[in-house]
Amino acid sequence: MSKKIEAIIRSEKLNPVKTALEQIGVLGITVYEVHGRGEQKGLEFTHRAGKYRVDLLPKTKIEIVVDDADCQKVVDALVASARTGDIGDGKIFISAVEKVIRIRTGEVTSK
């Protein structure tokens, strides 16, 4: 069985995350530029003209499909490489993958 790991991270953490994943042998990833917010509802900034709020912040979403046995190792690498300790570091979502079909060959694989 395989797991799909979706991680929403700070965009500036993409390169350290890619390096950490490569170091543990994970090469296949899909990356999206996304916008979102957490429970803090974005960030408030103060400027000469006053305060303003940015409620949808740019983030990066990474999707990875791995064998069950590798899931915790990937999560550990994501947390270690994406963490700053500040609000907005992101979240990781894990779900089961029922089936994977390679479009080029029609082959059904586990990841």
Protein backbone atom coordinates (compact mmCIF):
# COMPACT_ATOMS: atom_id res chain seq x y z
CA MET A 1 0.00 0.00 0.00
CA SER A 2 1.12 3.59 -0.63
CA LYS A 3 0.51 6.90 1.07
CA LYS A 4 0.05 10.31 -0.50
CA ILE A 5 1.77 13.03 1.49
CA GLU A 6 0.64 16.59 0.86
CA ALA A 7 2.72 19.29 2.56
CA ILE A 8 1.94 22.99 2.60
CA ILE A 9 5.19 24.80 3.38
CA ARG A 10 6.72 28.26 3.28
CA SER A 11 7.84 28.94 -0.30
CA GLU A 12 11.38 29.83 0.82
CA LYS A 13 11.72 26.35 2.35
CA LEU A 14 11.26 24.52 -0.96
CA ASN A 15 14.99 24.09 -1.71
CA PRO A 16 15.91 22.78 1.77
CA VAL A 17 12.92 20.40 1.58
CA LYS A 18 13.94 19.14 -1.88
CA THR A 19 17.48 18.55 -0.64
CA ALA A 20 16.24 16.67 2.45
CA LEU A 21 13.96 14.48 0.33
CA GLU A 22 16.76 13.71 -2.15
CA GLN A 23 19.03 12.72 0.76
CA ILE A 24 16.55 10.04 1.84
CA GLY A 25 16.02 8.81 -1.73
CA VAL A 26 12.75 10.53 -2.60
CA LEU A 27 13.10 11.98 -6.10
CA GLY A 28 9.53 12.10 -7.43
CA ILE A 29 7.63 15.14 -6.18
CA THR A 30 4.98 17.48 -7.55
CA VAL A 31 5.11 21.14 -6.54
CA TYR A 32 2.41 23.82 -6.76
CA GLU A 33 2.39 27.50 -5.91
CA VAL A 34 -0.69 28.08 -3.75
CA HIS A 35 -2.21 30.77 -1.54
CA GLY A 36 -3.86 30.20 1.80
CA ARG A 37 -4.17 31.07 5.43
CA GLY A 38 -4.39 29.38 8.78
CA GLU A 39 -6.31 30.12 11.93
CA GLN A 40 -4.45 33.43 12.34
CA LYS A 41 -6.25 34.66 9.18
CA GLY A 42 -3.11 35.94 7.44
CA LEU A 43 -0.68 38.60 8.58
CA GLU A 44 -1.12 42.24 9.57
CA PHE A 45 1.53 44.75 8.49
CA THR A 46 2.11 48.36 9.49
CA HIS A 47 3.09 50.85 6.79
CA ARG A 48 3.45 54.64 6.68
CA ALA A 49 -0.14 54.81 5.45
CA GLY A 50 -1.39 52.61 8.29
CA LYS A 51 -2.11 48.96 8.97
CA TYR A 52 -3.13 46.48 6.32
CA ARG A 53 -3.81 42.76 6.32
CA VAL A 54 -2.75 40.12 3.81
CA ASP A 55 -5.19 37.29 4.34
CA LEU A 56 -4.04 34.86 1.63
CA LEU A 57 -0.32 34.19 1.88
CA PRO A 58 1.81 32.57 -0.85
CA LYS A 59 2.78 29.00 0.06
CA THR A 60 4.16 25.95 -1.72
CA LYS A 61 2.35 22.62 -1.85
CA ILE A 62 4.33 19.41 -2.32
CA GLU A 63 2.75 16.08 -3.19
CA ILE A 64 4.65 12.84 -2.75
CA VAL A 65 3.49 9.22 -3.06
CA VAL A 66 5.58 6.72 -1.11
CA ASP A 67 5.36 3.17 0.22
CA ASP A 68 3.82 2.86 3.69
CA ALA A 69 7.21 1.84 5.09
CA ASP A 70 8.79 5.13 3.95
CA CYS A 71 5.99 7.45 5.10
CA GLN A 72 7.36 8.34 8.55
CA LYS A 73 10.87 8.87 7.16
CA VAL A 74 9.48 11.37 4.62
CA VAL A 75 7.37 13.16 7.23
CA ASP A 76 10.40 13.47 9.51
CA ALA A 77 12.46 14.94 6.65
CA LEU A 78 9.68 17.40 5.79
CA VAL A 79 9.27 18.59 9.37
CA ALA A 80 13.01 18.92 9.97
CA SER A 81 13.68 20.84 6.74
CA ALA A 82 10.56 23.05 6.64
CA ARG A 83 10.33 24.10 10.29
CA THR A 84 11.20 27.65 11.37
CA GLY A 85 9.30 27.51 14.67
CA ASP A 86 7.11 30.46 13.71
CA ILE A 87 3.41 30.58 12.88
CA GLY A 88 2.83 29.70 9.23
CA ASP A 89 5.32 26.83 8.87
CA GLY A 90 2.53 24.79 7.24
CA LYS A 91 0.86 21.41 7.57
CA ILE A 92 1.25 17.85 6.33
CA PHE A 93 -1.70 15.72 5.23
CA ILE A 94 -1.41 11.95 4.73
CA SER A 95 -3.93 9.78 2.90
CA ALA A 96 -4.07 6.25 1.52
CA VAL A 97 -3.53 5.69 -2.21
CA GLU A 98 -5.79 3.03 -3.68
CA LYS A 99 -4.23 2.66 -7.12
CA VAL A 100 -1.63 4.32 -9.37
CA ILE A 101 -1.76 3.98 -13.16
CA ARG A 102 1.19 5.03 -15.32
CA ILE A 103 -0.35 6.87 -18.29
CA ARG A 104 2.47 6.02 -20.74
CA THR A 105 2.18 2.24 -20.33
CA GLY A 106 -1.12 1.63 -18.58
CA GLU A 107 0.86 -0.20 -15.90
CA VAL A 108 -0.75 -0.36 -12.47
CA THR A 109 1.81 0.23 -9.73
CA SER A 110 1.89 0.79 -6.01
CA LYS A 111 3.48 4.27 -6.29
